[in-house]
Amino acid sequence: MSAPLTKKSTDRSDLKKFLFGFFCDRCGAEWNPPALPFEQGGFSNVDNEVVRQLIWEQEHKAAFDGANLEAHFHFSYCEKCGRWVCDDCANLEARRGEVCIDCGGKG
């Protein structure tokens, strides 16, 4: 599994669904991608608990990696301080480079 994009993230996955949260490195606002169901590898009924656990781990990794990739579209990287920030904390007006409002002000 890859490292989370933001410094703080949560994993609220269970045996039925995969659910993750990513937090703005500046203000802490949380973004949640849609929950994904545990598909059991496409098998309708997996009786062997060891096999079910292996399938869950594979699906969990894939779900996290997908959510982590999607987080790149919901956070901006500040080129000065290296934080991943939400739109409220990004200085979107300063197109000389992507910076947060701490590093570049509000415009």
N, C-alpha and C. Protein backbone atom coordinates (compact mmCIF):
# COMPACT_ATOMS: atom_id res chain seq x y z
N MET A 1 0.84 -1.17 0.00
CA MET A 1 0.00 0.00 0.00
C MET A 1 0.89 1.24 0.00
N SER A 2 0.53 2.21 -0.78
CA SER A 2 1.33 3.42 -0.87
C SER A 2 1.11 4.30 0.36
N ALA A 3 2.02 5.26 0.56
CA ALA A 3 1.88 6.21 1.67
C ALA A 3 0.72 7.16 1.37
N PRO A 4 -0.03 7.57 2.39
CA PRO A 4 -1.13 8.50 2.15
C PRO A 4 -0.62 9.85 1.64
N LEU A 5 -1.41 10.48 0.78
CA LEU A 5 -1.05 11.76 0.20
C LEU A 5 -0.88 12.82 1.28
N THR A 6 -1.85 12.93 2.17
CA THR A 6 -1.81 13.94 3.23
C THR A 6 -1.17 13.36 4.48
N LYS A 7 -0.73 14.26 5.37
CA LYS A 7 -0.06 13.80 6.59
C LYS A 7 -0.99 13.02 7.50
N LYS A 8 -2.28 13.37 7.49
CA LYS A 8 -3.26 12.66 8.32
C LYS A 8 -4.29 12.02 7.41
N SER A 9 -4.58 10.76 7.68
CA SER A 9 -5.63 10.06 6.95
C SER A 9 -6.27 9.06 7.90
N THR A 10 -7.45 8.60 7.54
CA THR A 10 -8.14 7.60 8.34
C THR A 10 -8.54 6.43 7.45
N ASP A 11 -8.72 5.30 8.09
CA ASP A 11 -9.18 4.09 7.41
C ASP A 11 -10.34 3.54 8.24
N ARG A 12 -11.55 3.70 7.73
CA ARG A 12 -12.75 3.22 8.42
C ARG A 12 -13.33 2.00 7.70
N SER A 13 -12.47 1.26 7.05
CA SER A 13 -12.90 0.07 6.32
C SER A 13 -13.36 -1.01 7.29
N ASP A 14 -14.30 -1.83 6.81
CA ASP A 14 -14.73 -2.99 7.57
C ASP A 14 -14.90 -4.16 6.61
N LEU A 15 -15.54 -5.21 7.03
CA LEU A 15 -15.67 -6.39 6.17
C LEU A 15 -16.68 -6.23 5.05
N LYS A 16 -17.41 -5.10 5.02
CA LYS A 16 -18.40 -4.86 3.97
C LYS A 16 -18.00 -3.76 3.00
N LYS A 17 -17.18 -2.81 3.48
CA LYS A 17 -16.84 -1.67 2.63
C LYS A 17 -15.45 -1.14 2.95
N PHE A 18 -14.92 -0.38 1.99
CA PHE A 18 -13.64 0.31 2.16
C PHE A 18 -13.94 1.80 2.18
N LEU A 19 -13.52 2.47 3.25
CA LEU A 19 -13.80 3.89 3.42
C LEU A 19 -12.58 4.57 4.03
N PHE A 20 -12.13 5.62 3.37
CA PHE A 20 -10.92 6.34 3.78
C PHE A 20 -11.22 7.82 3.91
N GLY A 21 -10.41 8.53 4.67
CA GLY A 21 -10.51 9.97 4.81
C GLY A 21 -9.13 10.59 4.70
N PHE A 22 -9.06 11.74 4.07
CA PHE A 22 -7.81 12.48 3.92
C PHE A 22 -8.05 13.89 4.45
N PHE A 23 -7.06 14.44 5.17
CA PHE A 23 -7.22 15.72 5.84
C PHE A 23 -6.24 16.74 5.29
N CYS A 24 -6.74 17.97 5.11
CA CYS A 24 -5.89 19.09 4.68
C CYS A 24 -4.74 19.24 5.67
N ASP A 25 -3.52 19.35 5.14
CA ASP A 25 -2.35 19.51 5.99
C ASP A 25 -2.32 20.86 6.71
N ARG A 26 -3.14 21.80 6.27
CA ARG A 26 -3.15 23.13 6.91
C ARG A 26 -4.29 23.26 7.90
N CYS A 27 -5.54 23.08 7.46
CA CYS A 27 -6.69 23.36 8.33
C CYS A 27 -7.32 22.10 8.92
N GLY A 28 -6.99 20.95 8.37
CA GLY A 28 -7.54 19.70 8.89
C GLY A 28 -8.89 19.31 8.33
N ALA A 29 -9.41 20.04 7.34
CA ALA A 29 -10.69 19.68 6.73
C ALA A 29 -10.57 18.29 6.10
N GLU A 30 -11.60 17.49 6.31
CA GLU A 30 -11.57 16.11 5.81
C GLU A 30 -12.27 15.99 4.47
N TRP A 31 -11.69 15.18 3.60
CA TRP A 31 -12.31 14.80 2.34
C TRP A 31 -12.41 13.28 2.32
N ASN A 32 -13.60 12.79 1.95
CA ASN A 32 -13.84 11.35 1.86
C ASN A 32 -14.23 10.95 0.46
N PRO A 33 -13.47 10.06 -0.17
CA PRO A 33 -13.94 9.51 -1.44
C PRO A 33 -15.12 8.58 -1.16
N PRO A 34 -15.90 8.26 -2.17
CA PRO A 34 -17.02 7.35 -1.96
C PRO A 34 -16.55 5.99 -1.42
N ALA A 35 -17.35 5.41 -0.53
CA ALA A 35 -17.04 4.08 -0.01
C ALA A 35 -17.18 3.05 -1.14
N LEU A 36 -16.33 2.05 -1.10
CA LEU A 36 -16.38 0.97 -2.08
C LEU A 36 -16.74 -0.33 -1.37
N PRO A 37 -17.62 -1.14 -1.97
CA PRO A 37 -17.98 -2.40 -1.32
C PRO A 37 -16.87 -3.44 -1.43
N PHE A 38 -16.80 -4.32 -0.44
CA PHE A 38 -15.91 -5.47 -0.49
C PHE A 38 -16.58 -6.50 -1.39
N GLU A 39 -15.97 -6.75 -2.54
CA GLU A 39 -16.57 -7.63 -3.56
C GLU A 39 -16.19 -9.10 -3.40
N GLN A 40 -15.31 -9.41 -2.48
CA GLN A 40 -14.83 -10.77 -2.25
C GLN A 40 -14.23 -11.40 -3.50
N GLY A 41 -13.50 -10.58 -4.24
CA GLY A 41 -12.81 -11.07 -5.42
C GLY A 41 -13.74 -11.55 -6.51
N GLY A 42 -14.99 -11.15 -6.46
CA GLY A 42 -15.96 -11.58 -7.46
C GLY A 42 -16.65 -12.89 -7.10
N PHE A 43 -16.23 -13.51 -6.01
CA PHE A 43 -16.87 -14.75 -5.57
C PHE A 43 -18.07 -14.39 -4.69
N SER A 44 -19.18 -15.05 -4.89
CA SER A 44 -20.36 -14.74 -4.10
C SER A 44 -20.26 -15.27 -2.67
N ASN A 45 -19.50 -16.35 -2.48
CA ASN A 45 -19.38 -16.91 -1.14
C ASN A 45 -18.00 -17.54 -0.99
N VAL A 46 -17.20 -16.97 -0.13
CA VAL A 46 -15.88 -17.53 0.14
C VAL A 46 -15.93 -18.11 1.56
N ASP A 47 -15.89 -19.43 1.67
CA ASP A 47 -16.01 -20.08 2.98
C ASP A 47 -14.69 -20.10 3.75
N ASN A 48 -13.59 -20.17 3.06
CA ASN A 48 -12.30 -20.27 3.72
C ASN A 48 -11.88 -18.90 4.25
N GLU A 49 -11.75 -18.78 5.57
CA GLU A 49 -11.43 -17.49 6.19
C GLU A 49 -10.07 -16.96 5.77
N VAL A 50 -9.09 -17.83 5.59
CA VAL A 50 -7.75 -17.41 5.16
C VAL A 50 -7.83 -16.82 3.75
N VAL A 51 -8.57 -17.46 2.88
CA VAL A 51 -8.72 -16.97 1.50
C VAL A 51 -9.47 -15.65 1.51
N ARG A 52 -10.54 -15.57 2.31
CA ARG A 52 -11.32 -14.33 2.40
C ARG A 52 -10.42 -13.18 2.88
N GLN A 53 -9.58 -13.43 3.87
CA GLN A 53 -8.68 -12.40 4.39
C GLN A 53 -7.68 -11.94 3.33
N LEU A 54 -7.13 -12.88 2.57
CA LEU A 54 -6.20 -12.52 1.49
C LEU A 54 -6.89 -11.67 0.42
N ILE A 55 -8.10 -12.05 0.07
CA ILE A 55 -8.86 -11.28 -0.93
C ILE A 55 -9.17 -9.90 -0.38
N TRP A 56 -9.58 -9.82 0.91
CA TRP A 56 -9.89 -8.52 1.52
C TRP A 56 -8.66 -7.63 1.49
N GLU A 57 -7.50 -8.17 1.86
CA GLU A 57 -6.27 -7.38 1.87
C GLU A 57 -5.93 -6.85 0.48
N GLN A 58 -6.11 -7.66 -0.54
CA GLN A 58 -5.84 -7.21 -1.92
C GLN A 58 -6.81 -6.11 -2.33
N GLU A 59 -8.10 -6.31 -2.05
CA GLU A 59 -9.09 -5.29 -2.40
C GLU A 59 -8.88 -4.01 -1.59
N HIS A 60 -8.52 -4.15 -0.33
CA HIS A 60 -8.26 -2.99 0.52
C HIS A 60 -7.12 -2.16 -0.04
N LYS A 61 -6.05 -2.82 -0.41
CA LYS A 61 -4.89 -2.13 -0.99
C LYS A 61 -5.29 -1.39 -2.26
N ALA A 62 -6.02 -2.07 -3.14
CA ALA A 62 -6.45 -1.44 -4.39
C ALA A 62 -7.39 -0.27 -4.13
N ALA A 63 -8.30 -0.42 -3.17
CA ALA A 63 -9.24 0.66 -2.84
C ALA A 63 -8.49 1.86 -2.26
N PHE A 64 -7.54 1.61 -1.36
CA PHE A 64 -6.76 2.72 -0.79
C PHE A 64 -5.94 3.42 -1.86
N ASP A 65 -5.26 2.65 -2.69
CA ASP A 65 -4.44 3.25 -3.73
C ASP A 65 -5.28 4.11 -4.67
N GLY A 66 -6.49 3.64 -5.00
CA GLY A 66 -7.39 4.42 -5.85
C GLY A 66 -7.85 5.70 -5.16
N ALA A 67 -8.21 5.60 -3.89
CA ALA A 67 -8.65 6.77 -3.13
C ALA A 67 -7.49 7.76 -2.97
N ASN A 68 -6.31 7.25 -2.72
CA ASN A 68 -5.13 8.09 -2.56
C ASN A 68 -4.82 8.83 -3.86
N LEU A 69 -4.96 8.17 -4.97
CA LEU A 69 -4.76 8.81 -6.27
C LEU A 69 -5.82 9.88 -6.51
N GLU A 70 -7.07 9.57 -6.19
CA GLU A 70 -8.15 10.53 -6.37
C GLU A 70 -7.96 11.77 -5.49
N ALA A 71 -7.32 11.60 -4.33
CA ALA A 71 -7.07 12.73 -3.43
C ALA A 71 -6.23 13.82 -4.11
N HIS A 72 -5.42 13.44 -5.09
CA HIS A 72 -4.62 14.43 -5.82
C HIS A 72 -5.50 15.48 -6.51
N PHE A 73 -6.75 15.13 -6.81
CA PHE A 73 -7.66 16.06 -7.47
C PHE A 73 -8.41 16.94 -6.48
N HIS A 74 -8.29 16.64 -5.18
CA HIS A 74 -9.02 17.39 -4.16
C HIS A 74 -8.10 18.23 -3.27
N PHE A 75 -6.81 18.08 -3.42
CA PHE A 75 -5.84 18.85 -2.65
C PHE A 75 -4.81 19.44 -3.60
N SER A 76 -4.27 20.59 -3.21
CA SER A 76 -3.21 21.25 -3.99
C SER A 76 -1.91 21.15 -3.22
N TYR A 77 -0.83 20.96 -3.96
CA TYR A 77 0.50 20.86 -3.34
C TYR A 77 1.14 22.23 -3.28
N CYS A 78 1.57 22.65 -2.10
CA CYS A 78 2.27 23.93 -1.94
C CYS A 78 3.74 23.70 -2.25
N GLU A 79 4.22 24.38 -3.25
CA GLU A 79 5.62 24.22 -3.67
C GLU A 79 6.61 24.79 -2.67
N LYS A 80 6.15 25.67 -1.77
CA LYS A 80 7.06 26.26 -0.78
C LYS A 80 7.19 25.41 0.48
N CYS A 81 6.07 25.03 1.08
CA CYS A 81 6.14 24.31 2.36
C CYS A 81 5.94 22.80 2.22
N GLY A 82 5.49 22.35 1.05
CA GLY A 82 5.35 20.92 0.82
C GLY A 82 4.10 20.29 1.39
N ARG A 83 3.13 21.12 1.80
CA ARG A 83 1.88 20.56 2.33
C ARG A 83 0.86 20.36 1.22
N TRP A 84 -0.04 19.39 1.43
CA TRP A 84 -1.19 19.18 0.56
C TRP A 84 -2.37 19.87 1.24
N VAL A 85 -2.97 20.87 0.56
CA VAL A 85 -4.00 21.70 1.17
C VAL A 85 -5.29 21.67 0.36
N CYS A 86 -6.41 21.90 1.06
CA CYS A 86 -7.72 21.95 0.42
C CYS A 86 -7.84 23.25 -0.38
N ASP A 87 -8.92 23.39 -1.15
CA ASP A 87 -9.12 24.59 -1.96
C ASP A 87 -9.22 25.85 -1.11
N ASP A 88 -9.78 25.75 0.09
CA ASP A 88 -9.90 26.92 0.96
C ASP A 88 -8.54 27.42 1.44
N CYS A 89 -7.56 26.52 1.50
CA CYS A 89 -6.22 26.89 1.99
C CYS A 89 -5.21 27.11 0.87
N ALA A 90 -5.61 26.85 -0.36
CA ALA A 90 -4.71 27.07 -1.50
C ALA A 90 -4.87 28.50 -2.00
N ASN A 91 -3.78 29.09 -2.41
CA ASN A 91 -3.81 30.42 -3.00
C ASN A 91 -3.99 30.23 -4.50
N LEU A 92 -5.24 30.01 -4.91
CA LEU A 92 -5.52 29.67 -6.31
C LEU A 92 -5.34 30.87 -7.25
N GLU A 93 -5.34 32.08 -6.70
CA GLU A 93 -5.17 33.26 -7.54
C GLU A 93 -3.71 33.46 -7.97
N ALA A 94 -2.80 32.97 -7.16
CA ALA A 94 -1.36 33.16 -7.44
C ALA A 94 -0.90 32.07 -8.40
N ARG A 95 -0.98 32.33 -9.67
CA ARG A 95 -0.63 31.33 -10.67
C ARG A 95 0.86 31.35 -11.03
N ARG A 96 1.67 32.00 -10.21
CA ARG A 96 3.12 31.95 -10.42
C ARG A 96 3.68 30.65 -9.91
N GLY A 97 2.83 29.86 -9.35
CA GLY A 97 3.21 28.59 -8.74
C GLY A 97 2.19 28.24 -7.70
N GLU A 98 1.96 27.03 -7.49
CA GLU A 98 0.97 26.57 -6.52
C GLU A 98 1.51 26.76 -5.11
N VAL A 99 0.88 27.62 -4.34
CA VAL A 99 1.29 27.87 -2.95
C VAL A 99 0.06 27.94 -2.08
N CYS A 100 0.24 27.66 -0.79
CA CYS A 100 -0.88 27.79 0.15
C CYS A 100 -1.00 29.24 0.59
N ILE A 101 -2.06 29.55 1.30
CA ILE A 101 -2.26 30.94 1.72
C ILE A 101 -1.25 31.37 2.77
N ASP A 102 -0.66 30.42 3.51
CA ASP A 102 0.39 30.79 4.47
C ASP A 102 1.65 31.24 3.74
N CYS A 103 1.97 30.58 2.64
CA CYS A 103 3.22 30.87 1.92
C CYS A 103 3.08 31.97 0.87
N GLY A 104 1.85 32.24 0.43
CA GLY A 104 1.69 33.22 -0.63
C GLY A 104 0.64 34.26 -0.39
N GLY A 105 0.04 34.27 0.76
CA GLY A 105 -1.03 35.21 1.02
C GLY A 105 -2.27 34.85 0.24
N LYS A 106 -3.24 35.72 0.19
CA LYS A 106 -4.51 35.44 -0.51
C LYS A 106 -4.54 36.10 -1.88
N GLY A 107 -3.45 36.40 -2.46
CA GLY A 107 -3.51 36.95 -3.80
C GLY A 107 -2.60 38.09 -3.94
